[in-house]
PDBML (XML) file of the C-alpha atoms, coordinates in Angstrom:
<?xml version="1.0" encoding="UTF-8" ?>
<PDBx:datablock datablockName="MODEL"
   xmlns:PDBx="http://pdbml.pdb.org/schema/pdbx-v50.xsd"
   xmlns:xsi="http://www.w3.org/2001/XMLSchema-instance"
   xsi:schemaLocation="http://pdbml.pdb.org/schema/pdbx-v50.xsd pdbx-v50.xsd">
   <PDBx:atom_siteCategory>
      <PDBx:atom_site id="1">
         <PDBx:B_iso_or_equiv>0.00</PDBx:B_iso_or_equiv>
         <PDBx:Cartn_x>0.016</PDBx:Cartn_x>
         <PDBx:Cartn_y>-0.014</PDBx:Cartn_y>
         <PDBx:Cartn_z>0.004</PDBx:Cartn_z>
         <PDBx:auth_asym_id>A</PDBx:auth_asym_id>
         <PDBx:auth_atom_id>CA</PDBx:auth_atom_id>
         <PDBx:auth_comp_id>ASP</PDBx:auth_comp_id>
         <PDBx:auth_seq_id>1</PDBx:auth_seq_id>
         <PDBx:group_PDB>ATOM</PDBx:group_PDB>
         <PDBx:label_alt_id xsi:nil="true" />
         <PDBx:label_asym_id>A</PDBx:label_asym_id>
         <PDBx:label_atom_id>CA</PDBx:label_atom_id>
         <PDBx:label_comp_id>ASP</PDBx:label_comp_id>
         <PDBx:label_entity_id>1</PDBx:label_entity_id>
         <PDBx:label_seq_id>1</PDBx:label_seq_id>
         <PDBx:occupancy>1.00</PDBx:occupancy>
         <PDBx:pdbx_PDB_model_num>1</PDBx:pdbx_PDB_model_num>
         <PDBx:type_symbol>C</PDBx:type_symbol>
      </PDBx:atom_site>
      <PDBx:atom_site id="2">
         <PDBx:B_iso_or_equiv>0.00</PDBx:B_iso_or_equiv>
         <PDBx:Cartn_x>2.869</PDBx:Cartn_x>
         <PDBx:Cartn_y>2.355</PDBx:Cartn_y>
         <PDBx:Cartn_z>0.786</PDBx:Cartn_z>
         <PDBx:auth_asym_id>A</PDBx:auth_asym_id>
         <PDBx:auth_atom_id>CA</PDBx:auth_atom_id>
         <PDBx:auth_comp_id>VAL</PDBx:auth_comp_id>
         <PDBx:auth_seq_id>2</PDBx:auth_seq_id>
         <PDBx:group_PDB>ATOM</PDBx:group_PDB>
         <PDBx:label_alt_id xsi:nil="true" />
         <PDBx:label_asym_id>A</PDBx:label_asym_id>
         <PDBx:label_atom_id>CA</PDBx:label_atom_id>
         <PDBx:label_comp_id>VAL</PDBx:label_comp_id>
         <PDBx:label_entity_id>1</PDBx:label_entity_id>
         <PDBx:label_seq_id>2</PDBx:label_seq_id>
         <PDBx:occupancy>1.00</PDBx:occupancy>
         <PDBx:pdbx_PDB_model_num>1</PDBx:pdbx_PDB_model_num>
         <PDBx:type_symbol>C</PDBx:type_symbol>
      </PDBx:atom_site>
      <PDBx:atom_site id="3">
         <PDBx:B_iso_or_equiv>0.00</PDBx:B_iso_or_equiv>
         <PDBx:Cartn_x>4.524</PDBx:Cartn_x>
         <PDBx:Cartn_y>1.468</PDBx:Cartn_y>
         <PDBx:Cartn_z>-2.513</PDBx:Cartn_z>
         <PDBx:auth_asym_id>A</PDBx:auth_asym_id>
         <PDBx:auth_atom_id>CA</PDBx:auth_atom_id>
         <PDBx:auth_comp_id>LEU</PDBx:auth_comp_id>
         <PDBx:auth_seq_id>3</PDBx:auth_seq_id>
         <PDBx:group_PDB>ATOM</PDBx:group_PDB>
         <PDBx:label_alt_id xsi:nil="true" />
         <PDBx:label_asym_id>A</PDBx:label_asym_id>
         <PDBx:label_atom_id>CA</PDBx:label_atom_id>
         <PDBx:label_comp_id>LEU</PDBx:label_comp_id>
         <PDBx:label_entity_id>1</PDBx:label_entity_id>
         <PDBx:label_seq_id>3</PDBx:label_seq_id>
         <PDBx:occupancy>1.00</PDBx:occupancy>
         <PDBx:pdbx_PDB_model_num>1</PDBx:pdbx_PDB_model_num>
         <PDBx:type_symbol>C</PDBx:type_symbol>
      </PDBx:atom_site>
      <PDBx:atom_site id="4">
         <PDBx:B_iso_or_equiv>0.00</PDBx:B_iso_or_equiv>
         <PDBx:Cartn_x>1.266</PDBx:Cartn_x>
         <PDBx:Cartn_y>2.187</PDBx:Cartn_y>
         <PDBx:Cartn_z>-4.392</PDBx:Cartn_z>
         <PDBx:auth_asym_id>A</PDBx:auth_asym_id>
         <PDBx:auth_atom_id>CA</PDBx:auth_atom_id>
         <PDBx:auth_comp_id>ALA</PDBx:auth_comp_id>
         <PDBx:auth_seq_id>4</PDBx:auth_seq_id>
         <PDBx:group_PDB>ATOM</PDBx:group_PDB>
         <PDBx:label_alt_id xsi:nil="true" />
         <PDBx:label_asym_id>A</PDBx:label_asym_id>
         <PDBx:label_atom_id>CA</PDBx:label_atom_id>
         <PDBx:label_comp_id>ALA</PDBx:label_comp_id>
         <PDBx:label_entity_id>1</PDBx:label_entity_id>
         <PDBx:label_seq_id>4</PDBx:label_seq_id>
         <PDBx:occupancy>1.00</PDBx:occupancy>
         <PDBx:pdbx_PDB_model_num>1</PDBx:pdbx_PDB_model_num>
         <PDBx:type_symbol>C</PDBx:type_symbol>
      </PDBx:atom_site>
      <PDBx:atom_site id="5">
         <PDBx:B_iso_or_equiv>0.00</PDBx:B_iso_or_equiv>
         <PDBx:Cartn_x>1.012</PDBx:Cartn_x>
         <PDBx:Cartn_y>5.579</PDBx:Cartn_y>
         <PDBx:Cartn_z>-2.661</PDBx:Cartn_z>
         <PDBx:auth_asym_id>A</PDBx:auth_asym_id>
         <PDBx:auth_atom_id>CA</PDBx:auth_atom_id>
         <PDBx:auth_comp_id>GLY</PDBx:auth_comp_id>
         <PDBx:auth_seq_id>5</PDBx:auth_seq_id>
         <PDBx:group_PDB>ATOM</PDBx:group_PDB>
         <PDBx:label_alt_id xsi:nil="true" />
         <PDBx:label_asym_id>A</PDBx:label_asym_id>
         <PDBx:label_atom_id>CA</PDBx:label_atom_id>
         <PDBx:label_comp_id>GLY</PDBx:label_comp_id>
         <PDBx:label_entity_id>1</PDBx:label_entity_id>
         <PDBx:label_seq_id>5</PDBx:label_seq_id>
         <PDBx:occupancy>1.00</PDBx:occupancy>
         <PDBx:pdbx_PDB_model_num>1</PDBx:pdbx_PDB_model_num>
         <PDBx:type_symbol>C</PDBx:type_symbol>
      </PDBx:atom_site>
      <PDBx:atom_site id="6">
         <PDBx:B_iso_or_equiv>0.00</PDBx:B_iso_or_equiv>
         <PDBx:Cartn_x>4.504</PDBx:Cartn_x>
         <PDBx:Cartn_y>6.586</PDBx:Cartn_y>
         <PDBx:Cartn_z>-3.699</PDBx:Cartn_z>
         <PDBx:auth_asym_id>A</PDBx:auth_asym_id>
         <PDBx:auth_atom_id>CA</PDBx:auth_atom_id>
         <PDBx:auth_comp_id>ILE</PDBx:auth_comp_id>
         <PDBx:auth_seq_id>6</PDBx:auth_seq_id>
         <PDBx:group_PDB>ATOM</PDBx:group_PDB>
         <PDBx:label_alt_id xsi:nil="true" />
         <PDBx:label_asym_id>A</PDBx:label_asym_id>
         <PDBx:label_atom_id>CA</PDBx:label_atom_id>
         <PDBx:label_comp_id>ILE</PDBx:label_comp_id>
         <PDBx:label_entity_id>1</PDBx:label_entity_id>
         <PDBx:label_seq_id>6</PDBx:label_seq_id>
         <PDBx:occupancy>1.00</PDBx:occupancy>
         <PDBx:pdbx_PDB_model_num>1</PDBx:pdbx_PDB_model_num>
         <PDBx:type_symbol>C</PDBx:type_symbol>
      </PDBx:atom_site>
      <PDBx:atom_site id="7">
         <PDBx:B_iso_or_equiv>0.00</PDBx:B_iso_or_equiv>
         <PDBx:Cartn_x>3.926</PDBx:Cartn_x>
         <PDBx:Cartn_y>5.413</PDBx:Cartn_y>
         <PDBx:Cartn_z>-7.284</PDBx:Cartn_z>
         <PDBx:auth_asym_id>A</PDBx:auth_asym_id>
         <PDBx:auth_atom_id>CA</PDBx:auth_atom_id>
         <PDBx:auth_comp_id>ALA</PDBx:auth_comp_id>
         <PDBx:auth_seq_id>7</PDBx:auth_seq_id>
         <PDBx:group_PDB>ATOM</PDBx:group_PDB>
         <PDBx:label_alt_id xsi:nil="true" />
         <PDBx:label_asym_id>A</PDBx:label_asym_id>
         <PDBx:label_atom_id>CA</PDBx:label_atom_id>
         <PDBx:label_comp_id>ALA</PDBx:label_comp_id>
         <PDBx:label_entity_id>1</PDBx:label_entity_id>
         <PDBx:label_seq_id>7</PDBx:label_seq_id>
         <PDBx:occupancy>1.00</PDBx:occupancy>
         <PDBx:pdbx_PDB_model_num>1</PDBx:pdbx_PDB_model_num>
         <PDBx:type_symbol>C</PDBx:type_symbol>
      </PDBx:atom_site>
      <PDBx:atom_site id="8">
         <PDBx:B_iso_or_equiv>0.00</PDBx:B_iso_or_equiv>
         <PDBx:Cartn_x>0.607</PDBx:Cartn_x>
         <PDBx:Cartn_y>7.288</PDBx:Cartn_y>
         <PDBx:Cartn_z>-7.454</PDBx:Cartn_z>
         <PDBx:auth_asym_id>A</PDBx:auth_asym_id>
         <PDBx:auth_atom_id>CA</PDBx:auth_atom_id>
         <PDBx:auth_comp_id>GLY</PDBx:auth_comp_id>
         <PDBx:auth_seq_id>8</PDBx:auth_seq_id>
         <PDBx:group_PDB>ATOM</PDBx:group_PDB>
         <PDBx:label_alt_id xsi:nil="true" />
         <PDBx:label_asym_id>A</PDBx:label_asym_id>
         <PDBx:label_atom_id>CA</PDBx:label_atom_id>
         <PDBx:label_comp_id>GLY</PDBx:label_comp_id>
         <PDBx:label_entity_id>1</PDBx:label_entity_id>
         <PDBx:label_seq_id>8</PDBx:label_seq_id>
         <PDBx:occupancy>1.00</PDBx:occupancy>
         <PDBx:pdbx_PDB_model_num>1</PDBx:pdbx_PDB_model_num>
         <PDBx:type_symbol>C</PDBx:type_symbol>
      </PDBx:atom_site>
      <PDBx:atom_site id="9">
         <PDBx:B_iso_or_equiv>0.00</PDBx:B_iso_or_equiv>
         <PDBx:Cartn_x>2.196</PDBx:Cartn_x>
         <PDBx:Cartn_y>10.531</PDBx:Cartn_y>
         <PDBx:Cartn_z>-6.248</PDBx:Cartn_z>
         <PDBx:auth_asym_id>A</PDBx:auth_asym_id>
         <PDBx:auth_atom_id>CA</PDBx:auth_atom_id>
         <PDBx:auth_comp_id>ALA</PDBx:auth_comp_id>
         <PDBx:auth_seq_id>9</PDBx:auth_seq_id>
         <PDBx:group_PDB>ATOM</PDBx:group_PDB>
         <PDBx:label_alt_id xsi:nil="true" />
         <PDBx:label_asym_id>A</PDBx:label_asym_id>
         <PDBx:label_atom_id>CA</PDBx:label_atom_id>
         <PDBx:label_comp_id>ALA</PDBx:label_comp_id>
         <PDBx:label_entity_id>1</PDBx:label_entity_id>
         <PDBx:label_seq_id>9</PDBx:label_seq_id>
         <PDBx:occupancy>1.00</PDBx:occupancy>
         <PDBx:pdbx_PDB_model_num>1</PDBx:pdbx_PDB_model_num>
         <PDBx:type_symbol>C</PDBx:type_symbol>
      </PDBx:atom_site>
      <PDBx:atom_site id="10">
         <PDBx:B_iso_or_equiv>0.00</PDBx:B_iso_or_equiv>
         <PDBx:Cartn_x>4.925</PDBx:Cartn_x>
         <PDBx:Cartn_y>10.205</PDBx:Cartn_y>
         <PDBx:Cartn_z>-8.863</PDBx:Cartn_z>
         <PDBx:auth_asym_id>A</PDBx:auth_asym_id>
         <PDBx:auth_atom_id>CA</PDBx:auth_atom_id>
         <PDBx:auth_comp_id>LEU</PDBx:auth_comp_id>
         <PDBx:auth_seq_id>10</PDBx:auth_seq_id>
         <PDBx:group_PDB>ATOM</PDBx:group_PDB>
         <PDBx:label_alt_id xsi:nil="true" />
         <PDBx:label_asym_id>A</PDBx:label_asym_id>
         <PDBx:label_atom_id>CA</PDBx:label_atom_id>
         <PDBx:label_comp_id>LEU</PDBx:label_comp_id>
         <PDBx:label_entity_id>1</PDBx:label_entity_id>
         <PDBx:label_seq_id>10</PDBx:label_seq_id>
         <PDBx:occupancy>1.00</PDBx:occupancy>
         <PDBx:pdbx_PDB_model_num>1</PDBx:pdbx_PDB_model_num>
         <PDBx:type_symbol>C</PDBx:type_symbol>
      </PDBx:atom_site>
      <PDBx:atom_site id="11">
         <PDBx:B_iso_or_equiv>0.00</PDBx:B_iso_or_equiv>
         <PDBx:Cartn_x>2.364</PDBx:Cartn_x>
         <PDBx:Cartn_y>9.710</PDBx:Cartn_y>
         <PDBx:Cartn_z>-11.624</PDBx:Cartn_z>
         <PDBx:auth_asym_id>A</PDBx:auth_asym_id>
         <PDBx:auth_atom_id>CA</PDBx:auth_atom_id>
         <PDBx:auth_comp_id>MET</PDBx:auth_comp_id>
         <PDBx:auth_seq_id>11</PDBx:auth_seq_id>
         <PDBx:group_PDB>ATOM</PDBx:group_PDB>
         <PDBx:label_alt_id xsi:nil="true" />
         <PDBx:label_asym_id>A</PDBx:label_asym_id>
         <PDBx:label_atom_id>CA</PDBx:label_atom_id>
         <PDBx:label_comp_id>MET</PDBx:label_comp_id>
         <PDBx:label_entity_id>1</PDBx:label_entity_id>
         <PDBx:label_seq_id>11</PDBx:label_seq_id>
         <PDBx:occupancy>1.00</PDBx:occupancy>
         <PDBx:pdbx_PDB_model_num>1</PDBx:pdbx_PDB_model_num>
         <PDBx:type_symbol>C</PDBx:type_symbol>
      </PDBx:atom_site>
      <PDBx:atom_site id="12">
         <PDBx:B_iso_or_equiv>0.00</PDBx:B_iso_or_equiv>
         <PDBx:Cartn_x>0.503</PDBx:Cartn_x>
         <PDBx:Cartn_y>12.786</PDBx:Cartn_y>
         <PDBx:Cartn_z>-10.412</PDBx:Cartn_z>
         <PDBx:auth_asym_id>A</PDBx:auth_asym_id>
         <PDBx:auth_atom_id>CA</PDBx:auth_atom_id>
         <PDBx:auth_comp_id>ALA</PDBx:auth_comp_id>
         <PDBx:auth_seq_id>12</PDBx:auth_seq_id>
         <PDBx:group_PDB>ATOM</PDBx:group_PDB>
         <PDBx:label_alt_id xsi:nil="true" />
         <PDBx:label_asym_id>A</PDBx:label_asym_id>
         <PDBx:label_atom_id>CA</PDBx:label_atom_id>
         <PDBx:label_comp_id>ALA</PDBx:label_comp_id>
         <PDBx:label_entity_id>1</PDBx:label_entity_id>
         <PDBx:label_seq_id>12</PDBx:label_seq_id>
         <PDBx:occupancy>1.00</PDBx:occupancy>
         <PDBx:pdbx_PDB_model_num>1</PDBx:pdbx_PDB_model_num>
         <PDBx:type_symbol>C</PDBx:type_symbol>
      </PDBx:atom_site>
      <PDBx:atom_site id="13">
         <PDBx:B_iso_or_equiv>0.00</PDBx:B_iso_or_equiv>
         <PDBx:Cartn_x>3.829</PDBx:Cartn_x>
         <PDBx:Cartn_y>14.580</PDBx:Cartn_y>
         <PDBx:Cartn_z>-10.902</PDBx:Cartn_z>
         <PDBx:auth_asym_id>A</PDBx:auth_asym_id>
         <PDBx:auth_atom_id>CA</PDBx:auth_atom_id>
         <PDBx:auth_comp_id>ALA</PDBx:auth_comp_id>
         <PDBx:auth_seq_id>13</PDBx:auth_seq_id>
         <PDBx:group_PDB>ATOM</PDBx:group_PDB>
         <PDBx:label_alt_id xsi:nil="true" />
         <PDBx:label_asym_id>A</PDBx:label_asym_id>
         <PDBx:label_atom_id>CA</PDBx:label_atom_id>
         <PDBx:label_comp_id>ALA</PDBx:label_comp_id>
         <PDBx:label_entity_id>1</PDBx:label_entity_id>
         <PDBx:label_seq_id>13</PDBx:label_seq_id>
         <PDBx:occupancy>1.00</PDBx:occupancy>
         <PDBx:pdbx_PDB_model_num>1</PDBx:pdbx_PDB_model_num>
         <PDBx:type_symbol>C</PDBx:type_symbol>
      </PDBx:atom_site>
      <PDBx:atom_site id="14">
         <PDBx:B_iso_or_equiv>0.00</PDBx:B_iso_or_equiv>
         <PDBx:Cartn_x>3.781</PDBx:Cartn_x>
         <PDBx:Cartn_y>13.392</PDBx:Cartn_y>
         <PDBx:Cartn_z>-14.551</PDBx:Cartn_z>
         <PDBx:auth_asym_id>A</PDBx:auth_asym_id>
         <PDBx:auth_atom_id>CA</PDBx:auth_atom_id>
         <PDBx:auth_comp_id>ASP</PDBx:auth_comp_id>
         <PDBx:auth_seq_id>14</PDBx:auth_seq_id>
         <PDBx:group_PDB>ATOM</PDBx:group_PDB>
         <PDBx:label_alt_id xsi:nil="true" />
         <PDBx:label_asym_id>A</PDBx:label_asym_id>
         <PDBx:label_atom_id>CA</PDBx:label_atom_id>
         <PDBx:label_comp_id>ASP</PDBx:label_comp_id>
         <PDBx:label_entity_id>1</PDBx:label_entity_id>
         <PDBx:label_seq_id>14</PDBx:label_seq_id>
         <PDBx:occupancy>1.00</PDBx:occupancy>
         <PDBx:pdbx_PDB_model_num>1</PDBx:pdbx_PDB_model_num>
         <PDBx:type_symbol>C</PDBx:type_symbol>
      </PDBx:atom_site>
      <PDBx:atom_site id="15">
         <PDBx:B_iso_or_equiv>0.00</PDBx:B_iso_or_equiv>
         <PDBx:Cartn_x>6.230</PDBx:Cartn_x>
         <PDBx:Cartn_y>10.455</PDBx:Cartn_y>
         <PDBx:Cartn_z>-14.507</PDBx:Cartn_z>
         <PDBx:auth_asym_id>A</PDBx:auth_asym_id>
         <PDBx:auth_atom_id>CA</PDBx:auth_atom_id>
         <PDBx:auth_comp_id>LEU</PDBx:auth_comp_id>
         <PDBx:auth_seq_id>15</PDBx:auth_seq_id>
         <PDBx:group_PDB>ATOM</PDBx:group_PDB>
         <PDBx:label_alt_id xsi:nil="true" />
         <PDBx:label_asym_id>A</PDBx:label_asym_id>
         <PDBx:label_atom_id>CA</PDBx:label_atom_id>
         <PDBx:label_comp_id>LEU</PDBx:label_comp_id>
         <PDBx:label_entity_id>1</PDBx:label_entity_id>
         <PDBx:label_seq_id>15</PDBx:label_seq_id>
         <PDBx:occupancy>1.00</PDBx:occupancy>
         <PDBx:pdbx_PDB_model_num>1</PDBx:pdbx_PDB_model_num>
         <PDBx:type_symbol>C</PDBx:type_symbol>
      </PDBx:atom_site>
      <PDBx:atom_site id="16">
         <PDBx:B_iso_or_equiv>0.00</PDBx:B_iso_or_equiv>
         <PDBx:Cartn_x>5.420</PDBx:Cartn_x>
         <PDBx:Cartn_y>7.658</PDBx:Cartn_y>
         <PDBx:Cartn_z>-16.915</PDBx:Cartn_z>
         <PDBx:auth_asym_id>A</PDBx:auth_asym_id>
         <PDBx:auth_atom_id>CA</PDBx:auth_atom_id>
         <PDBx:auth_comp_id>SER</PDBx:auth_comp_id>
         <PDBx:auth_seq_id>16</PDBx:auth_seq_id>
         <PDBx:group_PDB>ATOM</PDBx:group_PDB>
         <PDBx:label_alt_id xsi:nil="true" />
         <PDBx:label_asym_id>A</PDBx:label_asym_id>
         <PDBx:label_atom_id>CA</PDBx:label_atom_id>
         <PDBx:label_comp_id>SER</PDBx:label_comp_id>
         <PDBx:label_entity_id>1</PDBx:label_entity_id>
         <PDBx:label_seq_id>16</PDBx:label_seq_id>
         <PDBx:occupancy>1.00</PDBx:occupancy>
         <PDBx:pdbx_PDB_model_num>1</PDBx:pdbx_PDB_model_num>
         <PDBx:type_symbol>C</PDBx:type_symbol>
      </PDBx:atom_site>
      <PDBx:atom_site id="17">
         <PDBx:B_iso_or_equiv>0.00</PDBx:B_iso_or_equiv>
         <PDBx:Cartn_x>4.130</PDBx:Cartn_x>
         <PDBx:Cartn_y>4.362</PDBx:Cartn_y>
         <PDBx:Cartn_z>-15.522</PDBx:Cartn_z>
         <PDBx:auth_asym_id>A</PDBx:auth_asym_id>
         <PDBx:auth_atom_id>CA</PDBx:auth_atom_id>
         <PDBx:auth_comp_id>ALA</PDBx:auth_comp_id>
         <PDBx:auth_seq_id>17</PDBx:auth_seq_id>
         <PDBx:group_PDB>ATOM</PDBx:group_PDB>
         <PDBx:label_alt_id xsi:nil="true" />
         <PDBx:label_asym_id>A</PDBx:label_asym_id>
         <PDBx:label_atom_id>CA</PDBx:label_atom_id>
         <PDBx:label_comp_id>ALA</PDBx:label_comp_id>
         <PDBx:label_entity_id>1</PDBx:label_entity_id>
         <PDBx:label_seq_id>17</PDBx:label_seq_id>
         <PDBx:occupancy>1.00</PDBx:occupancy>
         <PDBx:pdbx_PDB_model_num>1</PDBx:pdbx_PDB_model_num>
         <PDBx:type_symbol>C</PDBx:type_symbol>
      </PDBx:atom_site>
      <PDBx:atom_site id="18">
         <PDBx:B_iso_or_equiv>0.00</PDBx:B_iso_or_equiv>
         <PDBx:Cartn_x>7.487</PDBx:Cartn_x>
         <PDBx:Cartn_y>2.608</PDBx:Cartn_y>
         <PDBx:Cartn_z>-16.121</PDBx:Cartn_z>
         <PDBx:auth_asym_id>A</PDBx:auth_asym_id>
         <PDBx:auth_atom_id>CA</PDBx:auth_atom_id>
         <PDBx:auth_comp_id>LEU</PDBx:auth_comp_id>
         <PDBx:auth_seq_id>18</PDBx:auth_seq_id>
         <PDBx:group_PDB>ATOM</PDBx:group_PDB>
         <PDBx:label_alt_id xsi:nil="true" />
         <PDBx:label_asym_id>A</PDBx:label_asym_id>
         <PDBx:label_atom_id>CA</PDBx:label_atom_id>
         <PDBx:label_comp_id>LEU</PDBx:label_comp_id>
         <PDBx:label_entity_id>1</PDBx:label_entity_id>
         <PDBx:label_seq_id>18</PDBx:label_seq_id>
         <PDBx:occupancy>1.00</PDBx:occupancy>
         <PDBx:pdbx_PDB_model_num>1</PDBx:pdbx_PDB_model_num>
         <PDBx:type_symbol>C</PDBx:type_symbol>
      </PDBx:atom_site>
      <PDBx:atom_site id="19">
         <PDBx:B_iso_or_equiv>0.00</PDBx:B_iso_or_equiv>
         <PDBx:Cartn_x>9.500</PDBx:Cartn_x>
         <PDBx:Cartn_y>5.406</PDBx:Cartn_y>
         <PDBx:Cartn_z>-14.496</PDBx:Cartn_z>
         <PDBx:auth_asym_id>A</PDBx:auth_asym_id>
         <PDBx:auth_atom_id>CA</PDBx:auth_atom_id>
         <PDBx:auth_comp_id>ASP</PDBx:auth_comp_id>
         <PDBx:auth_seq_id>19</PDBx:auth_seq_id>
         <PDBx:group_PDB>ATOM</PDBx:group_PDB>
         <PDBx:label_alt_id xsi:nil="true" />
         <PDBx:label_asym_id>A</PDBx:label_asym_id>
         <PDBx:label_atom_id>CA</PDBx:label_atom_id>
         <PDBx:label_comp_id>ASP</PDBx:label_comp_id>
         <PDBx:label_entity_id>1</PDBx:label_entity_id>
         <PDBx:label_seq_id>19</PDBx:label_seq_id>
         <PDBx:occupancy>1.00</PDBx:occupancy>
         <PDBx:pdbx_PDB_model_num>1</PDBx:pdbx_PDB_model_num>
         <PDBx:type_symbol>C</PDBx:type_symbol>
      </PDBx:atom_site>
      <PDBx:atom_site id="20">
         <PDBx:B_iso_or_equiv>0.00</PDBx:B_iso_or_equiv>
         <PDBx:Cartn_x>7.005</PDBx:Cartn_x>
         <PDBx:Cartn_y>5.843</PDBx:Cartn_y>
         <PDBx:Cartn_z>-11.633</PDBx:Cartn_z>
         <PDBx:auth_asym_id>A</PDBx:auth_asym_id>
         <PDBx:auth_atom_id>CA</PDBx:auth_atom_id>
         <PDBx:auth_comp_id>ALA</PDBx:auth_comp_id>
         <PDBx:auth_seq_id>20</PDBx:auth_seq_id>
         <PDBx:group_PDB>ATOM</PDBx:group_PDB>
         <PDBx:label_alt_id xsi:nil="true" />
         <PDBx:label_asym_id>A</PDBx:label_asym_id>
         <PDBx:label_atom_id>CA</PDBx:label_atom_id>
         <PDBx:label_comp_id>ALA</PDBx:label_comp_id>
         <PDBx:label_entity_id>1</PDBx:label_entity_id>
         <PDBx:label_seq_id>20</PDBx:label_seq_id>
         <PDBx:occupancy>1.00</PDBx:occupancy>
         <PDBx:pdbx_PDB_model_num>1</PDBx:pdbx_PDB_model_num>
         <PDBx:type_symbol>C</PDBx:type_symbol>
      </PDBx:atom_site>
      <PDBx:atom_site id="21">
         <PDBx:B_iso_or_equiv>0.00</PDBx:B_iso_or_equiv>
         <PDBx:Cartn_x>7.032</PDBx:Cartn_x>
         <PDBx:Cartn_y>2.127</PDBx:Cartn_y>
         <PDBx:Cartn_z>-10.944</PDBx:Cartn_z>
         <PDBx:auth_asym_id>A</PDBx:auth_asym_id>
         <PDBx:auth_atom_id>CA</PDBx:auth_atom_id>
         <PDBx:auth_comp_id>GLY</PDBx:auth_comp_id>
         <PDBx:auth_seq_id>21</PDBx:auth_seq_id>
         <PDBx:group_PDB>ATOM</PDBx:group_PDB>
         <PDBx:label_alt_id xsi:nil="true" />
         <PDBx:label_asym_id>A</PDBx:label_asym_id>
         <PDBx:label_atom_id>CA</PDBx:label_atom_id>
         <PDBx:label_comp_id>GLY</PDBx:label_comp_id>
         <PDBx:label_entity_id>1</PDBx:label_entity_id>
         <PDBx:label_seq_id>21</PDBx:label_seq_id>
         <PDBx:occupancy>1.00</PDBx:occupancy>
         <PDBx:pdbx_PDB_model_num>1</PDBx:pdbx_PDB_model_num>
         <PDBx:type_symbol>C</PDBx:type_symbol>
      </PDBx:atom_site>
      <PDBx:atom_site id="22">
         <PDBx:B_iso_or_equiv>0.00</PDBx:B_iso_or_equiv>
         <PDBx:Cartn_x>10.818</PDBx:Cartn_x>
         <PDBx:Cartn_y>1.810</PDBx:Cartn_y>
         <PDBx:Cartn_z>-10.901</PDBx:Cartn_z>
         <PDBx:auth_asym_id>A</PDBx:auth_asym_id>
         <PDBx:auth_atom_id>CA</PDBx:auth_atom_id>
         <PDBx:auth_comp_id>GLU</PDBx:auth_comp_id>
         <PDBx:auth_seq_id>22</PDBx:auth_seq_id>
         <PDBx:group_PDB>ATOM</PDBx:group_PDB>
         <PDBx:label_alt_id xsi:nil="true" />
         <PDBx:label_asym_id>A</PDBx:label_asym_id>
         <PDBx:label_atom_id>CA</PDBx:label_atom_id>
         <PDBx:label_comp_id>GLU</PDBx:label_comp_id>
         <PDBx:label_entity_id>1</PDBx:label_entity_id>
         <PDBx:label_seq_id>22</PDBx:label_seq_id>
         <PDBx:occupancy>1.00</PDBx:occupancy>
         <PDBx:pdbx_PDB_model_num>1</PDBx:pdbx_PDB_model_num>
         <PDBx:type_symbol>C</PDBx:type_symbol>
      </PDBx:atom_site>
      <PDBx:atom_site id="23">
         <PDBx:B_iso_or_equiv>0.00</PDBx:B_iso_or_equiv>
         <PDBx:Cartn_x>11.467</PDBx:Cartn_x>
         <PDBx:Cartn_y>5.011</PDBx:Cartn_y>
         <PDBx:Cartn_z>-8.960</PDBx:Cartn_z>
         <PDBx:auth_asym_id>A</PDBx:auth_asym_id>
         <PDBx:auth_atom_id>CA</PDBx:auth_atom_id>
         <PDBx:auth_comp_id>VAL</PDBx:auth_comp_id>
         <PDBx:auth_seq_id>23</PDBx:auth_seq_id>
         <PDBx:group_PDB>ATOM</PDBx:group_PDB>
         <PDBx:label_alt_id xsi:nil="true" />
         <PDBx:label_asym_id>A</PDBx:label_asym_id>
         <PDBx:label_atom_id>CA</PDBx:label_atom_id>
         <PDBx:label_comp_id>VAL</PDBx:label_comp_id>
         <PDBx:label_entity_id>1</PDBx:label_entity_id>
         <PDBx:label_seq_id>23</PDBx:label_seq_id>
         <PDBx:occupancy>1.00</PDBx:occupancy>
         <PDBx:pdbx_PDB_model_num>1</PDBx:pdbx_PDB_model_num>
         <PDBx:type_symbol>C</PDBx:type_symbol>
      </PDBx:atom_site>
      <PDBx:atom_site id="24">
         <PDBx:B_iso_or_equiv>0.00</PDBx:B_iso_or_equiv>
         <PDBx:Cartn_x>8.802</PDBx:Cartn_x>
         <PDBx:Cartn_y>4.120</PDBx:Cartn_y>
         <PDBx:Cartn_z>-6.402</PDBx:Cartn_z>
         <PDBx:auth_asym_id>A</PDBx:auth_asym_id>
         <PDBx:auth_atom_id>CA</PDBx:auth_atom_id>
         <PDBx:auth_comp_id>ALA</PDBx:auth_comp_id>
         <PDBx:auth_seq_id>24</PDBx:auth_seq_id>
         <PDBx:group_PDB>ATOM</PDBx:group_PDB>
         <PDBx:label_alt_id xsi:nil="true" />
         <PDBx:label_asym_id>A</PDBx:label_asym_id>
         <PDBx:label_atom_id>CA</PDBx:label_atom_id>
         <PDBx:label_comp_id>ALA</PDBx:label_comp_id>
         <PDBx:label_entity_id>1</PDBx:label_entity_id>
         <PDBx:label_seq_id>24</PDBx:label_seq_id>
         <PDBx:occupancy>1.00</PDBx:occupancy>
         <PDBx:pdbx_PDB_model_num>1</PDBx:pdbx_PDB_model_num>
         <PDBx:type_symbol>C</PDBx:type_symbol>
      </PDBx:atom_site>
      <PDBx:atom_site id="25">
         <PDBx:B_iso_or_equiv>0.00</PDBx:B_iso_or_equiv>
         <PDBx:Cartn_x>10.236</PDBx:Cartn_x>
         <PDBx:Cartn_y>0.593</PDBx:Cartn_y>
         <PDBx:Cartn_z>-6.004</PDBx:Cartn_z>
         <PDBx:auth_asym_id>A</PDBx:auth_asym_id>
         <PDBx:auth_atom_id>CA</PDBx:auth_atom_id>
         <PDBx:auth_comp_id>ALA</PDBx:auth_comp_id>
         <PDBx:auth_seq_id>25</PDBx:auth_seq_id>
         <PDBx:group_PDB>ATOM</PDBx:group_PDB>
         <PDBx:label_alt_id xsi:nil="true" />
         <PDBx:label_asym_id>A</PDBx:label_asym_id>
         <PDBx:label_atom_id>CA</PDBx:label_atom_id>
         <PDBx:label_comp_id>ALA</PDBx:label_comp_id>
         <PDBx:label_entity_id>1</PDBx:label_entity_id>
         <PDBx:label_seq_id>25</PDBx:label_seq_id>
         <PDBx:occupancy>1.00</PDBx:occupancy>
         <PDBx:pdbx_PDB_model_num>1</PDBx:pdbx_PDB_model_num>
         <PDBx:type_symbol>C</PDBx:type_symbol>
      </PDBx:atom_site>
   </PDBx:atom_siteCategory>
</PDBx:datablock>
């Protein structure tokens, strides 16, 4: 759940899904 929250915030900041997923992980 924490990981999903970080990834979601990154996508709101306009990162792509691939970048948001890797950066969040």
